[in-house]
Protein backbone atom coordinates (compact mmCIF):
# COMPACT_ATOMS: atom_id res chain seq x y z
CA MET A 1 48.96 5.14 18.33
CA LEU A 2 47.42 8.49 17.70
CA VAL A 3 45.36 6.80 14.97
CA LEU A 4 44.39 3.79 16.96
CA GLY A 5 43.49 6.06 19.93
CA SER A 6 41.20 8.28 17.96
CA SER A 7 39.58 5.27 16.36
CA ALA A 8 38.85 3.72 19.80
CA PHE A 9 37.36 6.96 21.00
CA ALA A 10 35.00 7.28 17.83
CA GLN A 11 33.76 3.77 18.69
CA THR A 12 32.75 4.84 22.16
CA GLN A 13 30.96 7.83 21.01
CA LYS A 14 27.68 8.38 23.19
CA PHE A 15 24.29 9.62 21.61
CA THR A 16 23.19 13.17 22.69
CA MET A 17 19.46 13.20 23.81
CA ALA A 18 18.63 14.67 20.52
CA GLU A 19 20.17 11.64 18.51
CA ALA A 20 18.70 9.01 20.87
CA VAL A 21 15.06 10.28 20.12
CA ASN A 22 15.21 11.35 16.72
CA GLY A 23 18.63 10.85 15.30
CA LEU A 24 17.62 8.31 12.76
CA ARG A 25 15.00 10.85 11.32
CA SER A 26 17.61 13.54 11.37
CA ASN A 27 21.49 13.69 11.41
CA LEU A 28 21.87 9.91 11.72
CA ALA A 29 19.37 9.18 8.87
CA VAL A 30 20.48 6.00 6.85
CA LYS A 31 20.94 7.21 3.14
CA ASN A 32 18.19 6.15 0.89
CA ILE A 33 16.64 6.62 -3.00
CA SER A 34 13.72 8.93 -2.47
CA GLN A 35 10.26 8.25 -4.10
CA PHE A 36 11.68 5.80 -6.33
CA SER A 37 9.38 4.74 -9.31
CA TRP A 38 9.74 3.00 -12.67
CA SER A 39 8.82 4.73 -15.82
CA ASN A 40 5.60 3.47 -17.55
CA ASP A 41 7.88 1.64 -20.29
CA GLY A 42 10.14 0.10 -17.68
CA LYS A 43 13.30 1.40 -19.45
CA SER A 44 14.17 3.94 -16.78
CA TYR A 45 13.60 4.83 -13.15
CA ILE A 46 12.73 8.18 -11.26
CA GLN A 47 13.65 9.38 -8.03
CA ALA A 48 13.35 12.60 -5.88
CA VAL A 49 16.24 14.83 -5.03
CA LYS A 50 16.68 18.23 -3.45
CA GLY A 51 15.40 20.76 -6.21
CA GLY A 52 13.64 18.25 -8.41
CA TYR A 53 13.31 14.61 -9.89
CA LEU A 54 16.13 12.71 -11.81
CA VAL A 55 15.56 10.05 -14.41
CA THR A 56 18.13 7.45 -15.27
CA ASP A 57 18.31 5.20 -18.29
CA LEU A 58 18.90 1.43 -17.24
CA LYS A 59 20.86 0.57 -20.27
CA THR A 60 23.25 3.51 -20.31
CA ASN A 61 23.09 4.74 -16.58
CA LYS A 62 22.70 8.33 -17.87
CA GLN A 63 20.99 10.70 -15.52
CA ASP A 64 19.15 13.68 -16.39
CA THR A 65 17.02 16.10 -14.66
CA LEU A 66 13.11 15.35 -15.33
CA VAL A 67 11.55 18.33 -13.74
CA SER A 68 13.01 20.93 -11.37
CA LEU A 69 11.31 23.04 -8.73
CA THR A 70 12.06 26.14 -10.58
CA GLN A 71 10.34 24.42 -13.75
CA LEU A 72 7.18 23.99 -11.41
CA ASN A 73 7.22 27.37 -10.01
CA LYS A 74 7.67 29.06 -13.22
CA ASN A 75 4.07 28.02 -14.40
CA LEU A 76 2.51 28.32 -11.06
CA ALA A 77 0.60 31.71 -11.09
CA GLU A 78 0.44 31.79 -7.35
CA ASN A 79 1.21 29.62 -3.92
CA LYS A 80 4.77 29.14 -5.38
CA LEU A 81 6.12 25.86 -3.98
CA LYS A 82 9.21 26.10 -1.43
CA ALA A 83 10.11 22.49 -1.81
CA VAL A 84 9.62 19.62 -4.28
CA PRO A 85 6.29 18.19 -4.12
CA GLN A 86 5.63 14.27 -4.17
CA ILE A 87 4.61 14.04 -7.74
CA LYS A 88 3.00 10.81 -8.86
CA PHE A 89 4.42 10.23 -12.43
CA ILE A 90 2.22 8.71 -15.00
CA SER A 91 4.82 8.64 -17.35
CA ASN A 92 8.32 10.81 -18.00
CA SER A 93 6.22 13.63 -19.22
CA ASN A 94 3.13 14.03 -17.05
CA GLY A 95 1.92 13.48 -13.39
CA TYR A 96 0.25 15.12 -10.53
CA PHE A 97 0.37 16.31 -7.08
CA ASN A 98 -1.54 17.74 -4.26
CA SER A 99 -0.63 21.47 -3.21
CA ASN A 100 -2.32 23.87 -0.78
CA GLY A 101 -5.71 22.18 -1.10
CA LYS A 102 -5.52 21.80 -5.00
CA MET A 103 -4.71 18.98 -7.31
CA VAL A 104 -2.15 20.29 -9.86
CA TRP A 105 -1.30 18.14 -12.84
CA VAL A 106 1.92 18.63 -14.74
CA GLU A 107 2.73 17.95 -18.49
CA LYS A 108 6.00 18.33 -20.14
CA SER A 109 5.87 20.51 -23.30
CA GLY A 110 9.48 20.73 -25.02
CA SER A 111 11.92 21.25 -22.68
CA ASP A 112 9.49 22.95 -20.21
CA TRP A 113 6.53 21.64 -17.82
CA LYS A 114 3.03 23.30 -17.95
CA THR A 115 0.75 22.98 -14.88
CA LYS A 116 -2.99 22.73 -14.81
CA THR A 117 -4.92 23.29 -11.39
CA SER A 118 -8.10 21.24 -11.17
CA ALA A 119 -10.89 22.08 -8.75
CA GLU A 120 -9.76 23.21 -5.33
CA VAL A 121 -10.12 20.65 -2.45
CA ASP A 122 -12.01 21.46 0.57
CA LYS A 123 -9.34 22.48 3.33
CA ASP A 124 -11.13 19.75 5.39
CA ALA A 125 -10.65 17.03 2.59
CA SER A 126 -9.39 13.73 3.37
CA ASN A 127 -8.99 10.22 1.89
CA VAL A 128 -8.08 11.69 -1.42
CA LYS A 129 -8.15 9.00 -4.24
CA VAL A 130 -7.22 9.58 -7.66
CA PHE A 131 -8.83 7.54 -10.51
CA GLY A 132 -7.17 5.47 -13.30
CA ASP A 133 -7.76 8.35 -15.91
CA ASN A 134 -5.45 10.49 -13.72
CA GLN A 135 -7.80 13.43 -14.28
CA THR A 136 -10.65 12.49 -11.77
CA PHE A 137 -10.48 12.21 -8.14
CA ALA A 138 -12.72 11.63 -4.89
CA PHE A 139 -12.26 12.77 -1.54
CA THR A 140 -14.28 12.82 1.68
CA VAL A 141 -15.21 16.13 3.51
CA LYS A 142 -16.08 15.24 7.35
CA ASN A 143 -18.63 12.41 6.87
CA ASN A 144 -19.51 12.72 3.11
CA LEU A 145 -18.03 11.83 -0.31
CA PHE A 146 -17.27 14.00 -3.15
CA VAL A 147 -15.85 13.54 -6.71
CA SER A 148 -14.14 15.99 -8.98
CA LYS A 149 -13.80 15.65 -12.50
CA ASN A 150 -12.83 18.38 -15.32
CA GLY A 151 -12.81 21.17 -12.68
CA LYS A 152 -16.35 20.24 -11.43
CA THR A 153 -17.09 18.83 -7.99
CA ILE A 154 -19.95 16.65 -7.36
CA ALA A 155 -21.32 15.82 -4.24
CA VAL A 156 -21.87 11.96 -4.19
CA THR A 157 -23.60 11.86 -0.59
CA ASN A 158 -25.24 14.37 1.58
CA ASP A 159 -25.87 12.76 4.79
CA SER A 160 -26.51 15.12 7.81
CA ASP A 161 -25.91 12.77 10.57
CA GLU A 162 -22.05 12.73 11.20
CA ASN A 163 -22.39 9.03 12.57
CA ILE A 164 -23.06 7.83 9.08
CA LEU A 165 -19.70 7.86 7.36
CA ASN A 166 -19.41 7.63 3.43
CA GLY A 167 -16.06 6.51 1.78
CA ALA A 168 -14.11 6.69 5.09
CA ALA A 169 -10.93 4.45 5.31
CA ASN A 170 -11.83 3.37 8.99
CA VAL A 171 -14.44 0.81 8.26
CA HIS A 172 -14.44 -2.49 10.29
CA ARG A 173 -11.37 -0.72 12.39
CA ASN A 174 -9.21 -1.24 9.54
CA GLU A 175 -9.25 -4.80 10.11
CA PHE A 176 -8.77 -7.41 7.24
CA GLY A 177 -6.49 -5.20 4.94
CA ILE A 178 -8.97 -2.37 4.83
CA ASP A 179 -7.12 0.79 4.05
CA THR A 180 -9.44 2.69 2.00
CA GLY A 181 -13.35 3.22 1.75
CA ILE A 182 -13.23 4.54 -1.91
CA PHE A 183 -12.71 2.04 -4.88
CA PRO A 184 -12.80 3.73 -8.36
CA ALA A 185 -13.66 1.49 -11.32
CA PRO A 186 -10.69 0.77 -13.73
CA ASN A 187 -12.67 2.78 -16.51
CA SER A 188 -13.06 5.74 -14.00
CA GLU A 189 -16.73 5.99 -14.93
CA SER A 190 -17.94 4.78 -11.48
CA VAL A 191 -16.64 4.74 -7.95
CA ALA A 192 -17.77 2.14 -5.18
CA PHE A 193 -17.59 3.33 -1.55
CA TYR A 194 -18.25 2.00 2.25
CA ARG A 195 -21.29 3.62 3.82
CA MET A 196 -20.51 3.12 7.67
CA ASP A 197 -23.93 3.57 9.80
CA GLN A 198 -22.70 3.93 13.59
CA THR A 199 -25.56 5.46 15.03
CA MET A 200 -26.48 2.32 16.98
CA VAL A 201 -22.90 2.19 18.39
CA ALA A 202 -22.42 3.39 22.10
CA ASP A 203 -20.28 6.61 22.62
CA TYR A 204 -16.77 6.34 24.33
CA PRO A 205 -15.13 9.12 26.01
CA VAL A 206 -11.44 9.65 24.86
CA ILE A 207 -9.43 12.42 26.98
CA ASP A 208 -7.26 14.95 25.16
CA TRP A 209 -4.43 15.56 27.48
CA SER A 210 -2.62 17.76 25.11
CA VAL A 211 -4.52 20.86 26.00
CA THR A 212 -5.09 22.52 29.48
CA PRO A 213 -7.37 21.72 30.62
CA ALA A 214 -7.94 18.55 29.22
CA VAL A 215 -10.94 17.87 27.04
CA SER A 216 -13.24 14.75 26.79
CA HIS A 217 -14.33 13.89 23.17
CA ASN A 218 -16.70 10.90 22.66
CA ILE A 219 -16.16 8.53 19.79
CA LYS A 220 -17.97 5.67 18.47
CA TYR A 221 -16.44 2.30 19.93
CA PRO A 222 -18.46 -1.19 19.92
CA MET A 223 -17.32 -2.72 22.95
CA ALA A 224 -17.08 -6.54 23.02
CA GLY A 225 -20.56 -8.04 23.08
CA GLN A 226 -22.05 -4.55 22.39
CA THR A 227 -23.70 -3.47 19.04
CA SER A 228 -21.42 -2.91 16.18
CA HIS A 229 -21.82 -0.48 13.11
CA GLN A 230 -23.51 -1.56 10.03
CA VAL A 231 -21.65 -1.30 6.64
CA THR A 232 -23.10 -1.20 3.13
CA LEU A 233 -21.29 -0.62 -0.30
CA GLY A 234 -22.59 2.12 -2.78
CA VAL A 235 -21.85 2.56 -6.29
CA PHE A 236 -21.94 5.96 -7.97
CA ASN A 237 -22.16 6.34 -11.64
CA MET A 238 -20.40 9.43 -12.90
CA LYS A 239 -22.65 9.96 -15.99
CA THR A 240 -26.01 9.33 -14.42
CA GLN A 241 -25.14 10.87 -10.98
CA ALA A 242 -27.02 7.99 -9.54
CA THR A 243 -26.03 5.49 -6.62
CA THR A 244 -26.89 1.97 -6.43
CA PHE A 245 -26.10 -0.04 -3.34
CA LEU A 246 -25.10 -3.80 -3.57
CA LYS A 247 -27.81 -6.30 -2.49
CA ILE A 248 -25.71 -7.92 0.11
CA ASP A 249 -27.62 -10.60 2.18
CA GLY A 250 -26.43 -11.51 5.46
CA GLU A 251 -26.26 -9.92 9.11
CA LYS A 252 -26.37 -6.43 9.36
CA ASP A 253 -23.12 -6.08 11.59
CA GLN A 254 -21.16 -8.54 8.97
CA TYR A 255 -17.79 -7.44 7.30
CA LEU A 256 -17.34 -6.38 3.75
CA THR A 257 -13.86 -7.32 2.79
CA ALA A 258 -11.60 -7.54 -0.21
CA VAL A 259 -13.59 -5.07 -2.22
CA THR A 260 -12.46 -5.73 -6.14
CA TRP A 261 -13.52 -4.62 -9.37
CA SER A 262 -13.33 -6.64 -12.42
CA PRO A 263 -10.92 -5.18 -15.14
CA ASP A 264 -13.85 -4.46 -17.24
CA SER A 265 -15.66 -2.36 -14.66
CA LYS A 266 -18.75 -4.52 -15.00
CA TYR A 267 -18.55 -6.41 -11.63
CA ILE A 268 -17.54 -5.82 -7.82
CA PHE A 269 -16.33 -8.86 -5.93
CA VAL A 270 -16.93 -8.69 -2.11
CA GLY A 271 -15.65 -11.00 0.50
CA VAL A 272 -18.77 -11.14 2.81
CA LEU A 273 -17.65 -12.38 6.28
CA ASN A 274 -19.78 -13.05 9.18
CA ARG A 275 -19.57 -11.62 12.60
CA GLY A 276 -18.09 -14.72 14.00
CA GLN A 277 -15.48 -14.46 11.45
CA ASN A 278 -15.49 -18.10 10.71
CA HIS A 279 -17.37 -18.40 7.41
CA MET A 280 -16.87 -16.11 4.51
CA LYS A 281 -18.44 -15.91 0.85
CA MET A 282 -16.49 -14.48 -2.10
CA ASN A 283 -19.58 -12.91 -3.87
CA GLN A 284 -19.57 -11.36 -7.37
CA TYR A 285 -22.14 -8.58 -7.99
CA ASP A 286 -23.31 -6.78 -11.23
CA ALA A 287 -22.08 -3.18 -10.65
CA ALA A 288 -24.90 -1.49 -12.53
CA THR A 289 -27.88 -2.96 -10.71
CA GLY A 290 -26.22 -4.09 -7.27
CA ASN A 291 -27.73 -7.88 -7.95
CA LEU A 292 -25.77 -10.94 -6.60
CA VAL A 293 -24.48 -12.62 -9.86
CA LYS A 294 -23.06 -15.77 -7.82
CA THR A 295 -21.09 -17.07 -5.00
CA LEU A 296 -17.35 -17.91 -6.39
CA PHE A 297 -16.39 -19.86 -3.23
CA GLU A 298 -16.41 -20.11 0.39
CA GLU A 299 -13.92 -20.34 3.18
CA THR A 300 -14.80 -21.75 6.86
CA SER A 301 -12.74 -22.54 9.86
CA ASP A 302 -13.29 -23.76 13.18
CA LYS A 303 -11.02 -20.83 14.55
CA TYR A 304 -11.58 -17.85 12.16
CA VAL A 305 -11.10 -16.66 8.61
CA GLU A 306 -8.95 -13.70 7.88
CA PRO A 307 -9.04 -12.34 4.41
CA GLN A 308 -6.33 -9.72 3.99
CA HIS A 309 -5.99 -9.00 0.27
CA PRO A 310 -8.50 -8.10 -2.74
CA LEU A 311 -8.34 -10.34 -5.63
CA THR A 312 -5.49 -9.85 -8.27
CA PHE A 313 -6.33 -10.39 -11.71
CA PHE A 314 -4.11 -11.94 -14.08
CA PRO A 315 -2.73 -9.61 -16.84
CA ASN A 316 -5.38 -8.58 -19.69
CA SER A 317 -7.81 -11.02 -18.17
CA ASN A 318 -11.31 -10.27 -17.02
CA THR A 319 -11.88 -13.97 -15.77
CA GLU A 320 -8.71 -15.30 -14.18
CA PHE A 321 -7.55 -14.26 -10.73
CA ILE A 322 -5.33 -14.88 -7.74
CA TRP A 323 -6.81 -15.15 -4.17
CA GLN A 324 -4.54 -14.79 -1.22
CA SER A 325 -5.69 -17.39 1.59
CA GLN A 326 -4.66 -18.54 5.06
CA ARG A 327 -6.77 -22.00 4.48
CA THR A 328 -3.70 -24.13 4.64
CA GLY A 329 -2.53 -22.39 7.85
CA TYR A 330 0.03 -20.04 5.59
CA ASN A 331 -0.97 -17.45 3.23
CA HIS A 332 -0.54 -18.85 -0.11
CA LEU A 333 -1.76 -17.90 -3.70
CA PHE A 334 -4.53 -19.72 -5.39
CA HIS A 335 -5.57 -19.37 -9.05
CA TYR A 336 -9.29 -18.96 -9.75
CA SER A 337 -11.43 -18.63 -12.67
CA LEU A 338 -15.01 -17.00 -12.84
CA GLU A 339 -15.80 -19.90 -14.99
CA LYS A 340 -14.07 -22.97 -13.67
CA GLY A 341 -13.54 -22.05 -9.92
CA LEU A 342 -10.50 -23.22 -8.37
CA VAL A 343 -7.74 -23.95 -11.17
CA ALA A 344 -4.55 -24.62 -8.90
CA GLN A 345 -2.90 -23.82 -5.64
CA ILE A 346 0.09 -21.90 -6.98
CA THR A 347 2.50 -21.55 -3.99
CA LYS A 348 2.57 -24.10 -0.96
CA GLY A 349 4.67 -24.63 1.86
CA ASP A 350 5.34 -23.77 5.84
CA TRP A 351 5.89 -20.22 4.90
CA LEU A 352 3.92 -17.04 4.09
CA VAL A 353 3.64 -15.12 0.87
CA THR A 354 3.60 -11.64 2.13
CA GLU A 355 2.97 -9.31 -1.05
CA ILE A 356 2.46 -9.85 -4.89
CA LEU A 357 4.84 -7.40 -6.66
CA GLY A 358 3.53 -7.88 -10.15
CA PHE A 359 3.71 -10.04 -13.33
CA ASN A 360 6.02 -10.70 -16.33
CA GLU A 361 2.92 -11.63 -18.51
CA LYS A 362 5.19 -13.01 -21.60
CA LYS A 363 6.80 -15.58 -19.22
CA LYS A 364 3.67 -16.18 -17.26
CA GLU A 365 5.70 -15.06 -13.92
CA ILE A 366 4.23 -13.99 -10.59
CA TYR A 367 6.85 -12.05 -8.50
CA PHE A 368 6.40 -12.04 -4.76
CA THR A 369 7.98 -11.53 -1.32
CA SER A 370 7.94 -14.28 1.17
CA THR A 371 9.29 -15.96 4.43
CA LYS A 372 10.27 -19.13 2.76
CA GLU A 373 13.99 -18.90 3.99
CA THR A 374 13.02 -18.07 7.66
CA PRO A 375 10.54 -16.05 9.36
CA LEU A 376 13.06 -13.60 10.41
CA GLU A 377 13.81 -12.59 6.80
CA LYS A 378 11.69 -11.61 3.61
CA HIS A 379 13.10 -12.51 0.15
CA LEU A 380 12.22 -11.91 -3.68
CA TYR A 381 10.92 -14.75 -5.51
CA ARG A 382 9.20 -15.63 -8.83
CA ILE A 383 6.92 -18.71 -10.02
CA ASN A 384 5.55 -19.85 -13.08
CA TRP A 385 1.70 -19.85 -12.68
CA THR A 386 1.45 -22.88 -15.25
CA ASN A 387 4.30 -25.16 -14.18
CA PHE A 388 4.89 -23.82 -10.88
CA LYS A 389 8.70 -23.41 -11.04
CA MET A 390 9.87 -21.26 -8.40
CA GLN A 391 13.00 -19.27 -7.91
CA LYS A 392 14.68 -17.12 -5.36
CA LEU A 393 15.91 -13.80 -7.05
CA ASP A 394 18.18 -12.18 -4.31
CA ALA A 395 21.16 -13.40 -2.41
CA ALA A 396 21.66 -11.33 0.73
CA GLU A 397 20.41 -12.39 3.86
CA GLY A 398 17.88 -9.73 5.48
CA VAL A 399 14.48 -8.08 4.75
CA HIS A 400 13.94 -7.43 1.17
CA THR A 401 11.44 -5.22 -0.37
CA GLY A 402 10.83 -4.97 -4.21
CA VAL A 403 9.13 -3.09 -7.05
CA LEU A 404 8.84 -4.55 -10.16
CA SER A 405 8.75 -2.66 -13.42
CA SER A 406 5.52 -2.70 -15.52
CA ASP A 407 6.79 -5.25 -18.07
CA GLY A 408 8.49 -7.49 -15.28
CA ASN A 409 11.89 -7.07 -16.77
CA TYR A 410 13.53 -5.11 -13.85
CA LEU A 411 13.04 -5.61 -10.00
CA TYR A 412 14.07 -3.04 -7.65
CA ASP A 413 15.36 -4.38 -4.66
CA SER A 414 16.16 -2.70 -1.17
CA TYR A 415 17.42 -4.71 1.73
CA SER A 416 18.92 -4.58 5.18
CA ASN A 417 20.24 -6.83 7.70
CA ALA A 418 22.09 -6.84 11.10
CA ASP A 419 25.53 -5.63 9.42
CA THR A 420 23.87 -3.58 6.61
CA PRO A 421 21.74 -0.35 7.02
CA ARG A 422 20.59 -0.39 3.49
CA VAL A 423 21.63 -1.75 0.05
CA VAL A 424 19.70 -0.96 -3.20
CA ASN A 425 19.99 -2.98 -6.19
CA VAL A 426 18.28 -3.36 -9.55
CA ILE A 427 17.84 -6.95 -10.75
CA ASN A 428 17.56 -7.78 -14.51
CA THR A 429 15.12 -10.50 -14.34
CA ASN A 430 16.19 -12.01 -17.72
CA THR A 431 19.80 -12.22 -16.89
CA LEU A 432 19.43 -12.04 -13.09
CA LYS A 433 22.42 -9.45 -13.00
CA THR A 434 22.39 -7.10 -10.56
CA ASN A 435 23.34 -3.05 -10.65
CA ASN A 436 24.06 -1.49 -7.38
CA LEU A 437 22.39 1.75 -6.87
CA LEU A 438 23.10 2.41 -3.30
CA THR A 439 25.01 1.10 -0.33
CA ALA A 440 24.28 3.11 2.72
CA GLU A 441 27.00 3.77 5.28
CA ASN A 442 26.27 2.77 8.68
CA THR A 443 25.92 5.93 10.43
CA LEU A 444 25.82 4.45 14.01
CA LYS A 445 29.17 2.80 13.61
CA ASN A 446 30.80 5.22 15.94
CA TYR A 447 28.23 4.99 18.80
CA GLN A 448 27.89 2.88 21.95
CA ARG A 449 25.13 0.40 21.28
CA PRO A 450 23.80 -2.58 23.10
CA GLU A 451 24.59 -6.16 21.93
CA ILE A 452 21.35 -7.57 20.22
CA LYS A 453 20.94 -11.44 20.12
CA ASN A 454 18.29 -13.70 18.67
CA VAL A 455 17.39 -16.28 21.19
CA ASN A 456 15.05 -19.42 20.37
CA LEU A 457 12.57 -20.03 23.18
CA LYS A 458 10.39 -23.05 23.41
CA ALA A 459 6.71 -23.16 24.16
CA ASP A 460 5.03 -25.93 26.25
CA ASP A 461 3.44 -27.37 22.96
CA GLY A 462 6.83 -27.38 21.38
CA ASN A 463 6.64 -24.46 19.28
CA SER A 464 9.38 -21.86 19.20
CA PHE A 465 9.50 -18.28 19.04
CA ILE A 466 12.09 -15.60 18.84
CA TRP A 467 13.12 -13.25 21.46
CA LYS A 468 15.39 -10.30 20.86
CA ASP A 469 17.71 -9.68 23.72
CA HIS A 470 19.23 -6.30 23.96
CA SER A 471 22.26 -6.27 26.44
CA SER A 472 25.42 -4.15 26.91
CA ASP A 473 27.76 -3.42 29.79
CA GLU A 474 27.38 0.28 28.89
CA PHE A 475 23.68 0.43 29.30
């Protein structure tokens, strides 16, 4: 009776105010694998822990310390680290991180790690983007773009008007999948960037109530029906230190989306979308001259065209790529060739492809997540891009996210559902056997919580949508 009473009491525990507001980010946080990444050879994986990073061999499950905070601080002459930084590992023997306004590269030397600090990044720097050579990086300071290479910082732009933004990430209000304004070439010898001119846009006052007295700040915001900003795309050549702007025809206030370099760094592809958002041209431009090479294809709609993703080139190809399009009413994968045009629609159905995870080149497989089972969940799939044979790779209900190893042989699968806070598995894509890395405990199991139900509601046109109903006698 004492045990039962104790259990019943535990299941009716009430949240403190701190737990109700911030508990899932503090004492009630669900256990997770921090900063997971695959090694470049796909034979091990890396994770952050308190005091360093661990590397785990996939075959033996042997776990070793990859680098410790002590090793990092041993080689830092000043500005010692108080906690493990977020290191981007290029391989198991080198990587880089940003600390106190400096880009720091780390490299394994025997059983120790050496550090090398590049040129300092301005204290006001933002939008830091590291190039493919892992030695060059670009960043913005206020409204101008800079590039740092071999310890030398170069000013790419020098616009004095603060309403002309170079390399900014907020071009077109971050619509159409835009999350950066800096696009390094694969060979790291050039960088493309957005130049946004908003001098013609009217000011809009925003009140900052966090200070006393409140302060009004003006921002540029194009109200409906009023003049919008104008965007162009520049290409800065690292060797000549000259900038060439792509010669893009069309309306001055059109949208430039899906910016993609060809793998050989010779061409730039741009989705040119009209202001009405119902006609898009996928154009190919010569990166050296800025001249239009050709229009690869066009998409039109009586409602709107919504490009959300750059081109994804097939492994070791400069001419074959995947275009994600909603032209059928659902986001799907289309195989295109620079010479042949549309080759095939790879995925089909009344469901969405939500993310491309990568390839297994040897087996001609594309790995992706989709809503094929139900719009309430996401699952992991693969499809052969020649015979279109498709296979679901996970078994549990819920929302799955995946990280594919570079060779496509292993897939990191993290999922949760109504009864499962988090489970992390590694799937061997050759055998489909899974290895469990983490099954997190439900940190809320002893607390009073509302009952949650999914309810289907019908609209007048017969379509249904999901309503989440939160109800409980205690709340």
